[in-house]
Protein backbone atom coordinates (compact mmCIF):
# COMPACT_ATOMS: atom_id res chain seq x y z
CA MET A 1 16.32 48.32 -7.48
CA THR A 2 15.59 51.57 -5.91
CA ASP A 3 14.32 50.34 -2.59
CA PRO A 4 16.21 47.16 -1.33
CA LYS A 5 14.69 45.55 1.76
CA ARG A 6 16.28 43.93 4.70
CA VAL A 7 14.82 40.49 5.10
CA ALA A 8 15.47 37.38 7.25
CA VAL A 9 14.55 33.84 6.08
CA ILE A 10 13.96 31.41 8.89
CA GLY A 11 14.51 27.85 7.78
CA LEU A 12 17.19 27.20 5.11
CA GLY A 13 16.05 23.81 3.90
CA ALA A 14 15.61 23.13 0.15
CA MET A 15 12.62 25.72 -0.15
CA GLY A 16 13.92 28.41 2.33
CA TYR A 17 17.42 28.21 0.96
CA GLY A 18 16.18 28.88 -2.56
CA MET A 19 13.99 31.71 -1.46
CA ALA A 20 16.86 33.34 0.42
CA ARG A 21 19.07 33.12 -2.62
CA SER A 22 16.43 34.55 -4.80
CA LEU A 23 16.14 37.58 -2.42
CA ILE A 24 19.90 38.10 -2.63
CA ARG A 25 19.78 37.88 -6.42
CA ALA A 26 17.04 40.59 -6.42
CA GLY A 27 19.35 42.93 -4.44
CA HIS A 28 17.75 42.64 -0.88
CA VAL A 29 19.90 42.42 2.26
CA THR A 30 19.19 38.88 3.37
CA HIS A 31 19.86 37.15 6.55
CA GLY A 32 19.57 33.42 6.83
CA VAL A 33 18.68 31.43 10.03
CA ASP A 34 18.56 27.78 10.62
CA ILE A 35 19.02 25.41 13.68
CA ALA A 36 21.85 23.65 11.66
CA PRO A 37 25.05 25.62 11.27
CA GLU A 38 26.02 24.31 7.80
CA PRO A 39 23.45 25.80 5.67
CA VAL A 40 23.89 29.12 7.49
CA GLU A 41 27.64 29.04 6.95
CA ARG A 42 27.03 28.13 3.21
CA PHE A 43 24.49 30.94 2.92
CA LEU A 44 26.91 33.51 4.36
CA ALA A 45 29.60 32.34 1.94
CA GLU A 46 27.23 33.01 -0.90
CA GLY A 47 26.19 36.52 -0.02
CA GLY A 48 24.04 36.31 2.95
CA ALA A 49 24.12 39.06 5.40
CA PRO A 50 25.71 38.38 8.97
CA GLY A 51 24.01 39.29 12.21
CA THR A 52 22.40 37.48 15.03
CA PRO A 53 18.60 37.39 15.43
CA ALA A 54 18.86 39.93 18.42
CA GLU A 55 20.89 42.20 16.26
CA VAL A 56 18.81 42.37 13.12
CA ALA A 57 15.11 41.71 14.11
CA GLY A 58 14.42 45.32 14.83
CA GLU A 59 15.77 46.47 11.43
CA LEU A 60 13.77 44.02 9.30
CA ASP A 61 11.26 45.04 6.71
CA ALA A 62 10.17 41.36 6.26
CA LEU A 63 10.43 38.06 8.07
CA VAL A 64 9.92 34.95 5.92
CA VAL A 65 9.22 31.81 7.79
CA VAL A 66 9.85 28.58 5.84
CA VAL A 67 9.64 25.91 8.65
CA LEU A 68 8.06 22.59 8.87
CA ASN A 69 4.71 23.15 10.88
CA ALA A 70 2.47 25.15 13.12
CA GLN A 71 4.46 24.53 16.22
CA GLN A 72 7.77 25.67 14.68
CA THR A 73 6.05 28.72 13.18
CA GLU A 74 4.63 29.84 16.54
CA ALA A 75 8.01 29.27 18.24
CA VAL A 76 9.75 31.39 15.64
CA LEU A 77 7.23 34.17 16.02
CA PHE A 78 6.43 34.13 19.65
CA GLY A 79 8.63 31.59 21.48
CA ASP A 80 11.28 32.37 24.05
CA ASP A 81 13.34 34.05 21.37
CA GLY A 82 10.32 35.13 19.26
CA TRP A 83 10.94 37.55 16.37
CA VAL A 84 7.74 39.44 16.36
CA PRO A 85 7.89 41.27 19.67
CA ARG A 86 11.39 42.70 18.49
CA MET A 87 10.23 43.76 15.03
CA ARG A 88 9.26 47.30 14.14
CA ALA A 89 5.76 48.38 13.53
CA GLY A 90 4.95 48.13 9.80
CA ALA A 91 7.19 45.17 9.13
CA VAL A 92 5.63 42.11 7.59
CA VAL A 93 5.80 38.30 8.37
CA LEU A 94 5.37 35.96 5.49
CA ALA A 95 4.32 32.57 6.91
CA CYS A 96 5.03 29.80 4.33
CA ALA A 97 4.45 26.54 6.24
CA THR A 98 1.32 24.31 5.64
CA VAL A 99 -0.75 25.00 8.69
CA SER A 100 -4.68 25.25 9.38
CA PRO A 101 -6.60 28.32 8.55
CA ASP A 102 -7.55 28.68 12.24
CA PHE A 103 -3.94 28.76 13.25
CA THR A 104 -3.09 31.32 10.60
CA ARG A 105 -5.81 33.58 11.76
CA ALA A 106 -4.53 33.21 15.39
CA MET A 107 -1.01 34.22 14.45
CA ALA A 108 -2.21 37.12 12.41
CA ALA A 109 -4.16 38.53 15.28
CA ARG A 110 -1.10 38.18 17.56
CA CYS A 111 1.07 39.90 15.05
CA GLN A 112 -1.33 42.68 14.75
CA GLU A 113 -1.09 43.41 18.57
CA HIS A 114 2.55 44.26 17.94
CA GLY A 115 1.86 46.40 14.77
CA VAL A 116 3.32 43.80 12.52
CA HIS A 117 1.66 42.77 9.39
CA TYR A 118 0.96 39.04 8.66
CA LEU A 119 0.74 37.55 5.10
CA ASP A 120 -0.63 33.99 4.97
CA ALA A 121 1.74 32.78 2.19
CA PRO A 122 2.02 29.15 1.67
CA ILE A 123 4.29 28.06 -1.15
CA SER A 124 4.29 25.42 -3.90
CA GLY A 125 6.72 24.47 -6.60
CA GLY A 126 9.57 22.54 -5.26
CA ALA A 127 13.18 23.18 -4.50
CA ALA A 128 14.22 23.94 -8.23
CA ARG A 129 11.55 26.58 -8.61
CA ALA A 130 12.37 28.10 -5.19
CA ALA A 131 16.04 28.44 -6.28
CA ALA A 132 14.89 30.09 -9.56
CA GLY A 133 12.52 32.58 -7.80
CA GLN A 134 9.53 31.02 -9.58
CA LEU A 135 7.33 29.52 -6.80
CA SER A 136 3.64 29.80 -6.68
CA ILE A 137 2.49 31.48 -3.50
CA MET A 138 -1.17 31.35 -2.28
CA ALA A 139 -1.36 34.46 -0.35
CA SER A 140 -4.01 36.24 1.73
CA GLY A 141 -3.89 39.19 4.20
CA SER A 142 -4.62 42.86 4.44
CA VAL A 143 -3.80 45.45 1.80
CA ASP A 144 -1.10 46.67 4.01
CA ALA A 145 0.40 43.23 4.35
CA PHE A 146 0.54 42.75 0.66
CA ALA A 147 2.03 46.14 0.11
CA ALA A 148 4.77 45.42 2.82
CA ALA A 149 5.52 41.98 1.25
CA ARG A 150 5.38 42.95 -2.36
CA GLN A 151 9.18 43.08 -3.22
CA VAL A 152 9.76 39.78 -1.34
CA LEU A 153 6.83 38.21 -3.36
CA ASP A 154 8.29 39.69 -6.67
CA ALA A 155 11.81 38.10 -5.81
CA THR A 156 10.57 34.62 -4.93
CA ALA A 157 7.48 33.90 -6.94
CA GLU A 158 6.57 33.55 -10.45
CA THR A 159 2.82 33.55 -9.67
CA VAL A 160 1.18 35.15 -6.62
CA PHE A 161 -2.47 34.21 -6.14
CA GLU A 162 -4.02 36.94 -4.03
CA LEU A 163 -6.87 35.10 -2.26
CA GLY A 164 -8.47 37.62 -0.05
CA ASP A 165 -7.87 40.39 2.53
CA GLU A 166 -7.90 38.08 5.70
CA ALA A 167 -5.44 35.54 6.66
CA GLY A 168 -6.48 32.02 6.35
CA ALA A 169 -7.72 31.88 2.73
CA GLY A 170 -4.08 31.04 1.55
CA SER A 171 -3.80 28.21 4.09
CA ALA A 172 -7.20 26.75 2.95
CA MET A 173 -6.07 26.83 -0.64
CA LYS A 174 -2.70 25.19 0.34
CA ALA A 175 -4.71 22.44 2.07
CA VAL A 176 -6.61 21.75 -1.19
CA ASN A 177 -3.27 21.61 -3.10
CA GLN A 178 -1.67 19.33 -0.55
CA LEU A 179 -4.66 16.93 -0.67
CA LEU A 180 -4.09 16.56 -4.43
CA ALA A 181 -0.27 16.52 -4.32
CA GLY A 182 -0.15 13.90 -1.61
CA VAL A 183 -2.79 11.76 -3.32
CA HIS A 184 -1.09 12.10 -6.70
CA ILE A 185 2.36 10.83 -5.35
CA ALA A 186 0.81 7.99 -3.54
CA THR A 187 -1.22 7.05 -6.63
CA MET A 188 1.82 7.42 -9.00
CA ALA A 189 3.48 4.89 -6.80
CA GLU A 190 0.60 2.62 -6.88
CA ALA A 191 0.17 2.79 -10.65
CA LEU A 192 3.94 2.37 -11.28
CA THR A 193 4.34 -0.70 -9.14
CA PHE A 194 0.89 -2.16 -10.52
CA GLY A 195 2.52 -1.65 -13.98
CA MET A 196 5.58 -3.68 -12.84
CA THR A 197 3.37 -6.66 -12.00
CA GLN A 198 2.07 -6.55 -15.61
CA GLY A 199 5.53 -6.42 -17.03
CA VAL A 200 5.64 -2.59 -17.48
CA SER A 201 9.13 -1.39 -16.51
CA PRO A 202 9.35 1.91 -14.46
CA GLU A 203 11.23 3.46 -17.44
CA LYS A 204 8.47 2.60 -19.89
CA PHE A 205 5.84 3.65 -17.41
CA VAL A 206 7.34 7.19 -17.30
CA GLU A 207 7.87 7.34 -21.05
CA VAL A 208 4.32 6.37 -21.96
CA ILE A 209 2.18 7.59 -19.10
CA SER A 210 3.77 11.07 -19.03
CA LYS A 211 2.28 11.63 -22.54
CA CYS A 212 -1.09 10.22 -21.66
CA ALA A 213 -4.28 11.43 -19.79
CA GLY A 214 -3.28 9.72 -16.72
CA THR A 215 -0.30 11.88 -16.05
CA SER A 216 0.11 14.69 -13.38
CA TRP A 217 2.80 17.12 -12.46
CA MET A 218 3.65 15.00 -9.46
CA LEU A 219 3.95 11.89 -11.55
CA GLU A 220 6.38 13.61 -14.11
CA ASN A 221 8.41 15.09 -11.18
CA ARG A 222 8.61 12.12 -8.79
CA ALA A 223 8.47 8.97 -10.98
CA PRO A 224 11.87 9.65 -12.43
CA HIS A 225 13.23 9.38 -8.91
CA ILE A 226 12.05 5.74 -8.80
CA VAL A 227 13.51 4.95 -12.24
CA ALA A 228 16.84 6.40 -11.00
CA GLY A 229 16.57 4.65 -7.68
CA ASP A 230 17.54 8.02 -6.12
CA TYR A 231 15.63 8.85 -2.96
CA THR A 232 17.80 11.94 -2.04
CA PRO A 233 15.15 13.92 -0.29
CA LEU A 234 13.88 16.94 -2.12
CA SER A 235 10.55 16.53 -0.36
CA GLN A 236 10.52 13.97 2.47
CA VAL A 237 8.00 11.20 3.15
CA ASN A 238 7.75 12.73 6.60
CA ILE A 239 5.92 15.75 5.22
CA TRP A 240 2.87 13.95 4.17
CA PRO A 241 1.61 12.54 7.40
CA LYS A 242 1.67 16.05 8.69
CA ASP A 243 0.13 17.83 5.64
CA LEU A 244 -2.52 15.12 4.98
CA GLY A 245 -3.25 15.05 8.65
CA ILE A 246 -4.02 18.72 8.56
CA VAL A 247 -6.37 18.16 5.51
CA LEU A 248 -8.16 15.49 7.43
CA ASP A 249 -8.40 17.71 10.50
CA ILE A 250 -9.98 20.58 8.36
CA ALA A 251 -12.24 18.17 6.72
CA LYS A 252 -13.41 16.87 10.05
CA GLN A 253 -14.29 20.26 11.31
CA ALA A 254 -16.17 20.85 8.13
CA GLY A 255 -18.11 17.57 8.34
CA PHE A 256 -16.49 16.51 5.11
CA SER A 257 -15.50 13.00 4.26
CA ALA A 258 -12.13 12.62 2.42
CA PRO A 259 -11.63 8.78 2.06
CA ILE A 260 -9.05 9.05 -0.72
CA THR A 261 -6.97 11.35 1.34
CA ALA A 262 -7.12 8.91 4.23
CA ALA A 263 -6.18 6.09 2.09
CA ALA A 264 -3.06 8.01 0.82
CA LEU A 265 -2.21 9.02 4.36
CA GLN A 266 -2.05 5.44 5.47
CA GLN A 267 0.43 4.56 2.82
CA TYR A 268 2.73 7.38 4.01
CA MET A 269 2.29 6.18 7.56
CA VAL A 270 3.40 2.65 6.56
CA ALA A 271 6.43 4.20 4.70
CA VAL A 272 7.47 6.06 7.91
CA GLY A 273 7.05 2.82 9.88
CA MET A 274 9.36 1.06 7.41
CA GLY A 275 12.04 3.70 8.21
CA LEU A 276 11.60 5.75 5.02
CA GLY A 277 10.38 8.96 6.56
CA ALA A 278 13.68 10.94 5.70
CA GLU A 279 13.71 9.71 2.15
CA ASP A 280 12.26 11.42 -0.92
CA ASP A 281 8.51 11.04 -0.99
CA ALA A 282 8.67 8.93 -4.03
CA ALA A 283 9.85 6.23 -1.59
CA VAL A 284 6.30 5.52 -0.96
CA ALA A 285 6.64 3.26 -3.83
CA LYS A 286 8.66 0.98 -1.63
CA VAL A 287 5.55 0.13 0.37
CA TYR A 288 3.77 -1.22 -2.60
CA ALA A 289 6.99 -3.04 -3.93
CA ARG A 290 7.53 -4.68 -0.38
CA ASN A 291 3.83 -5.84 -0.28
CA VAL A 292 4.08 -7.77 -3.53
CA GLY A 293 7.78 -8.69 -3.61
CA LEU A 294 8.97 -6.23 -6.40
CA ASP A 295 12.54 -5.06 -6.85
CA LEU A 296 12.58 -1.38 -7.65
CA PRO A 297 15.49 0.19 -9.67
CA ILE A 298 18.76 0.60 -7.73
CA LYS A 299 20.77 3.79 -8.17
CA ASP A 300 23.90 3.27 -10.19
CA GLY A 301 27.19 3.44 -8.51
């Protein structure tokens, strides 16, 4: 690499940590920031660059924000210890959380006031693909924002969809993706547990349906978690009330009815009410199992 960049990744969860590691692997000087000390300590031990936010913000070429929601994104960018006012003109923010297009446009305008580019860059692909630098990124922003973010995109993504020259289009596409993803997980759980009522084991369900027309990427990725009885959170149940809530808010603004999304959201809300919010989102199957008295597989050991 002839021009390594200095990057900070805010949010070292499953996705952010993988992206940060991919940036190091690509040769970029990468700082990792999280409210929890453990992932930061682990990241430093694995090659992350040291330095406090106050020390490094002004030196950054790019700030990658991989937090949970709009509130956290705004706090990172413009809160009491906000990064953007301390960043140099010409640097770029890559905002990766699932948020509404209106929020994205507002953040882009505020960044522009400080001379900082803003790339609307929601991500998809899961923790394994984040770790491998093979995410799909649904990006929109100015030509200058794309240029400033190019090496970060190259290091973290297998596919970058360039969806327009204004922030907001990327977040709109992510909402479409999350509608499908959230519905697919809930529908997988419904189909798997329905099969159990007919004598179809979860193992046989995965074996057969994954090779049939009824399959989906989410089915093939999440159903094995149920078979293994392992709900270690790679993507939490808690994500879906937020993301499907955003979808329904956008739909309401558009005068669009989304009844299937609303039905899926209800199942996730029930799962949260059962205390499953911090479990892997495949745990939505436990809602169906409870309702009909089924025993799902239990993790060995």
